[in-house]
Amino acid sequence: MPLQRRWEAFERSTVAGAPDRLGVYELGDADGTVVEVGHGVLRDELKDALAYRDAAKVRWTTAQTREQAADLAAEQEAKL
C-alpha cells in the first residue's frame, strides 16, 4: 500500500518545502504509479532525486529515527 499522502508535483519548489527531517518518500510517474521508494533526510534525498531521477510526482512522510525510516521504506517497497 502506498503512503497515505497526497501527491505533489516533483519540482524545485516542492523539494524546497520538504522538511529537513528523516523520512520516507515515494516518486511517482504522471499517472501516480510509484516508481521509487527511498528514505533518509527528506530534503537532501529529494534534491538528489530531482537532479538524477525522472519522476512527475512525490509524496513523503517523516520518521523519528533512521531505523524507523528504513523499516517503513522496506515495507513500502515490499508492497509494490
N, C-alpha and C. Protein backbone atom coordinates (compact mmCIF):
# COMPACT_ATOMS: atom_id res chain seq x y z
N MET A 1 0.85 -1.18 0.00
CA MET A 1 0.00 0.00 0.00
C MET A 1 0.90 1.24 0.00
N PRO A 2 0.62 2.18 -0.87
CA PRO A 2 1.42 3.40 -0.93
C PRO A 2 1.23 4.27 0.32
N LEU A 3 2.09 5.24 0.46
CA LEU A 3 1.95 6.20 1.56
C LEU A 3 0.59 6.88 1.45
N GLN A 4 -0.02 7.13 2.55
CA GLN A 4 -1.33 7.76 2.57
C GLN A 4 -1.18 9.29 2.59
N ARG A 5 -0.55 9.79 1.57
CA ARG A 5 -0.33 11.23 1.42
C ARG A 5 -0.73 11.64 0.01
N ARG A 6 -1.03 12.90 -0.14
CA ARG A 6 -1.38 13.46 -1.44
C ARG A 6 -0.12 13.64 -2.29
N TRP A 7 -0.21 13.34 -3.57
CA TRP A 7 0.91 13.57 -4.48
C TRP A 7 1.12 15.07 -4.65
N GLU A 8 2.39 15.46 -4.77
CA GLU A 8 2.78 16.83 -5.09
C GLU A 8 3.57 16.79 -6.39
N ALA A 9 3.56 17.88 -7.13
CA ALA A 9 4.40 17.95 -8.34
C ALA A 9 5.86 17.85 -7.92
N PHE A 10 6.63 17.04 -8.61
CA PHE A 10 8.04 16.85 -8.28
C PHE A 10 8.84 17.93 -9.00
N GLU A 11 8.96 19.05 -8.31
CA GLU A 11 9.66 20.21 -8.86
C GLU A 11 10.44 20.90 -7.75
N ARG A 12 11.26 21.84 -8.15
CA ARG A 12 12.17 22.51 -7.23
C ARG A 12 11.44 23.14 -6.03
N SER A 13 10.32 23.80 -6.27
CA SER A 13 9.62 24.47 -5.16
C SER A 13 9.06 23.47 -4.15
N THR A 14 8.62 22.31 -4.62
CA THR A 14 8.12 21.27 -3.71
C THR A 14 9.26 20.73 -2.86
N VAL A 15 10.38 20.45 -3.50
CA VAL A 15 11.55 19.93 -2.78
C VAL A 15 12.05 20.95 -1.76
N ALA A 16 12.02 22.22 -2.11
CA ALA A 16 12.46 23.27 -1.18
C ALA A 16 11.58 23.31 0.07
N GLY A 17 10.32 22.90 -0.07
CA GLY A 17 9.41 22.89 1.07
C GLY A 17 9.43 21.60 1.87
N ALA A 18 10.21 20.63 1.43
CA ALA A 18 10.29 19.36 2.16
C ALA A 18 11.00 19.58 3.50
N PRO A 19 10.57 18.88 4.54
CA PRO A 19 11.21 19.06 5.84
C PRO A 19 12.65 18.54 5.85
N ASP A 20 13.45 19.16 6.65
CA ASP A 20 14.85 18.75 6.82
C ASP A 20 14.89 17.72 7.96
N ARG A 21 14.14 16.64 7.75
CA ARG A 21 13.98 15.59 8.76
C ARG A 21 14.06 14.23 8.08
N LEU A 22 14.31 13.22 8.89
CA LEU A 22 14.30 11.85 8.39
C LEU A 22 12.90 11.46 7.94
N GLY A 23 12.84 10.64 6.90
CA GLY A 23 11.54 10.18 6.44
C GLY A 23 11.66 9.25 5.26
N VAL A 24 10.50 8.94 4.71
CA VAL A 24 10.37 8.06 3.55
C VAL A 24 9.68 8.85 2.45
N TYR A 25 10.13 8.66 1.22
CA TYR A 25 9.47 9.32 0.10
C TYR A 25 9.15 8.32 -1.00
N GLU A 26 8.16 8.65 -1.78
CA GLU A 26 7.82 7.89 -2.98
C GLU A 26 7.85 8.84 -4.16
N LEU A 27 8.44 8.39 -5.24
CA LEU A 27 8.40 9.11 -6.51
C LEU A 27 7.40 8.41 -7.40
N GLY A 28 6.61 9.20 -8.13
CA GLY A 28 5.61 8.61 -9.00
C GLY A 28 5.67 9.15 -10.41
N ASP A 29 5.10 8.38 -11.32
CA ASP A 29 5.02 8.85 -12.70
C ASP A 29 3.79 9.76 -12.84
N ALA A 30 3.52 10.21 -14.05
CA ALA A 30 2.42 11.14 -14.28
C ALA A 30 1.06 10.55 -13.91
N ASP A 31 0.93 9.22 -13.95
CA ASP A 31 -0.33 8.57 -13.60
C ASP A 31 -0.46 8.29 -12.10
N GLY A 32 0.59 8.57 -11.34
CA GLY A 32 0.54 8.31 -9.90
C GLY A 32 0.99 6.92 -9.51
N THR A 33 1.65 6.22 -10.42
CA THR A 33 2.20 4.91 -10.11
C THR A 33 3.56 5.10 -9.44
N VAL A 34 3.76 4.46 -8.30
CA VAL A 34 5.03 4.59 -7.58
C VAL A 34 6.13 3.95 -8.41
N VAL A 35 7.21 4.71 -8.65
CA VAL A 35 8.34 4.20 -9.42
C VAL A 35 9.59 4.03 -8.57
N GLU A 36 9.59 4.65 -7.38
CA GLU A 36 10.75 4.51 -6.49
C GLU A 36 10.34 4.86 -5.07
N VAL A 37 10.95 4.16 -4.12
CA VAL A 37 10.79 4.44 -2.70
C VAL A 37 12.19 4.67 -2.14
N GLY A 38 12.34 5.69 -1.32
CA GLY A 38 13.63 5.96 -0.70
C GLY A 38 13.45 6.50 0.70
N HIS A 39 14.56 6.61 1.42
CA HIS A 39 14.50 7.14 2.78
C HIS A 39 15.79 7.87 3.12
N GLY A 40 15.72 8.68 4.15
CA GLY A 40 16.87 9.47 4.60
C GLY A 40 16.38 10.85 5.02
N VAL A 41 17.28 11.82 5.02
CA VAL A 41 16.89 13.20 5.30
C VAL A 41 16.14 13.68 4.06
N LEU A 42 14.87 13.96 4.22
CA LEU A 42 13.99 14.17 3.07
C LEU A 42 14.49 15.24 2.11
N ARG A 43 14.79 16.42 2.59
CA ARG A 43 15.19 17.49 1.68
C ARG A 43 16.44 17.11 0.89
N ASP A 44 17.41 16.51 1.55
CA ASP A 44 18.65 16.10 0.87
C ASP A 44 18.38 15.01 -0.16
N GLU A 45 17.62 14.00 0.24
CA GLU A 45 17.31 12.90 -0.67
C GLU A 45 16.54 13.39 -1.89
N LEU A 46 15.58 14.28 -1.66
CA LEU A 46 14.76 14.77 -2.77
C LEU A 46 15.54 15.70 -3.69
N LYS A 47 16.48 16.46 -3.16
CA LYS A 47 17.34 17.28 -4.02
C LYS A 47 18.13 16.40 -4.97
N ASP A 48 18.70 15.32 -4.44
CA ASP A 48 19.44 14.38 -5.28
C ASP A 48 18.52 13.73 -6.31
N ALA A 49 17.34 13.31 -5.87
CA ALA A 49 16.40 12.65 -6.77
C ALA A 49 15.96 13.60 -7.88
N LEU A 50 15.76 14.86 -7.56
CA LEU A 50 15.34 15.84 -8.56
C LEU A 50 16.41 16.00 -9.63
N ALA A 51 17.66 15.93 -9.24
CA ALA A 51 18.76 16.10 -10.18
C ALA A 51 18.99 14.87 -11.04
N TYR A 52 18.75 13.67 -10.49
CA TYR A 52 19.17 12.45 -11.18
C TYR A 52 18.07 11.48 -11.57
N ARG A 53 16.83 11.75 -11.18
CA ARG A 53 15.76 10.79 -11.45
C ARG A 53 14.67 11.44 -12.29
N ASP A 54 13.93 10.60 -12.96
CA ASP A 54 12.84 11.06 -13.81
C ASP A 54 11.52 10.67 -13.16
N ALA A 55 10.86 11.63 -12.54
CA ALA A 55 9.57 11.39 -11.90
C ALA A 55 8.72 12.65 -12.06
N ALA A 56 7.41 12.48 -11.97
CA ALA A 56 6.50 13.61 -12.11
C ALA A 56 5.91 14.04 -10.78
N LYS A 57 5.87 13.11 -9.82
CA LYS A 57 5.20 13.38 -8.55
C LYS A 57 6.02 12.86 -7.39
N VAL A 58 5.74 13.41 -6.21
CA VAL A 58 6.43 12.99 -4.99
C VAL A 58 5.47 13.10 -3.81
N ARG A 59 5.68 12.25 -2.83
CA ARG A 59 5.00 12.37 -1.54
C ARG A 59 5.91 11.77 -0.49
N TRP A 60 5.72 12.19 0.75
CA TRP A 60 6.60 11.72 1.81
C TRP A 60 5.90 11.72 3.15
N THR A 61 6.55 11.05 4.10
CA THR A 61 6.14 11.09 5.50
C THR A 61 7.42 11.10 6.34
N THR A 62 7.36 11.73 7.48
CA THR A 62 8.54 11.83 8.34
C THR A 62 8.64 10.63 9.26
N ALA A 63 9.83 10.45 9.82
CA ALA A 63 10.10 9.37 10.76
C ALA A 63 10.92 9.94 11.92
N GLN A 64 10.91 9.25 13.03
CA GLN A 64 11.63 9.72 14.21
C GLN A 64 13.10 9.33 14.20
N THR A 65 13.40 8.16 13.62
CA THR A 65 14.77 7.67 13.61
C THR A 65 15.13 7.15 12.22
N ARG A 66 16.42 7.01 11.96
CA ARG A 66 16.88 6.46 10.69
C ARG A 66 16.38 5.01 10.53
N GLU A 67 16.40 4.26 11.63
CA GLU A 67 15.92 2.87 11.59
C GLU A 67 14.44 2.81 11.24
N GLN A 68 13.64 3.68 11.83
CA GLN A 68 12.21 3.71 11.53
C GLN A 68 11.98 4.05 10.05
N ALA A 69 12.75 5.00 9.53
CA ALA A 69 12.62 5.36 8.12
C ALA A 69 12.98 4.19 7.22
N ALA A 70 14.06 3.50 7.54
CA ALA A 70 14.49 2.34 6.74
C ALA A 70 13.45 1.23 6.78
N ASP A 71 12.90 0.97 7.96
CA ASP A 71 11.87 -0.07 8.09
C ASP A 71 10.62 0.27 7.29
N LEU A 72 10.18 1.53 7.36
CA LEU A 72 8.99 1.95 6.62
C LEU A 72 9.24 1.88 5.12
N ALA A 73 10.43 2.28 4.69
CA ALA A 73 10.77 2.20 3.26
C ALA A 73 10.75 0.74 2.79
N ALA A 74 11.30 -0.15 3.60
CA ALA A 74 11.29 -1.57 3.23
C ALA A 74 9.87 -2.10 3.13
N GLU A 75 9.00 -1.70 4.04
CA GLU A 75 7.59 -2.11 3.99
C GLU A 75 6.93 -1.60 2.71
N GLN A 76 7.20 -0.34 2.36
CA GLN A 76 6.61 0.24 1.17
C GLN A 76 7.11 -0.46 -0.09
N GLU A 77 8.39 -0.75 -0.15
CA GLU A 77 8.96 -1.42 -1.32
C GLU A 77 8.38 -2.82 -1.48
N ALA A 78 8.15 -3.51 -0.37
CA ALA A 78 7.60 -4.87 -0.43
C ALA A 78 6.17 -4.88 -0.97
N LYS A 79 5.48 -3.78 -0.84
CA LYS A 79 4.08 -3.69 -1.28
C LYS A 79 3.94 -3.29 -2.75
N LEU A 80 5.03 -2.94 -3.39
CA LEU A 80 4.96 -2.51 -4.79
C LEU A 80 4.78 -3.69 -5.72
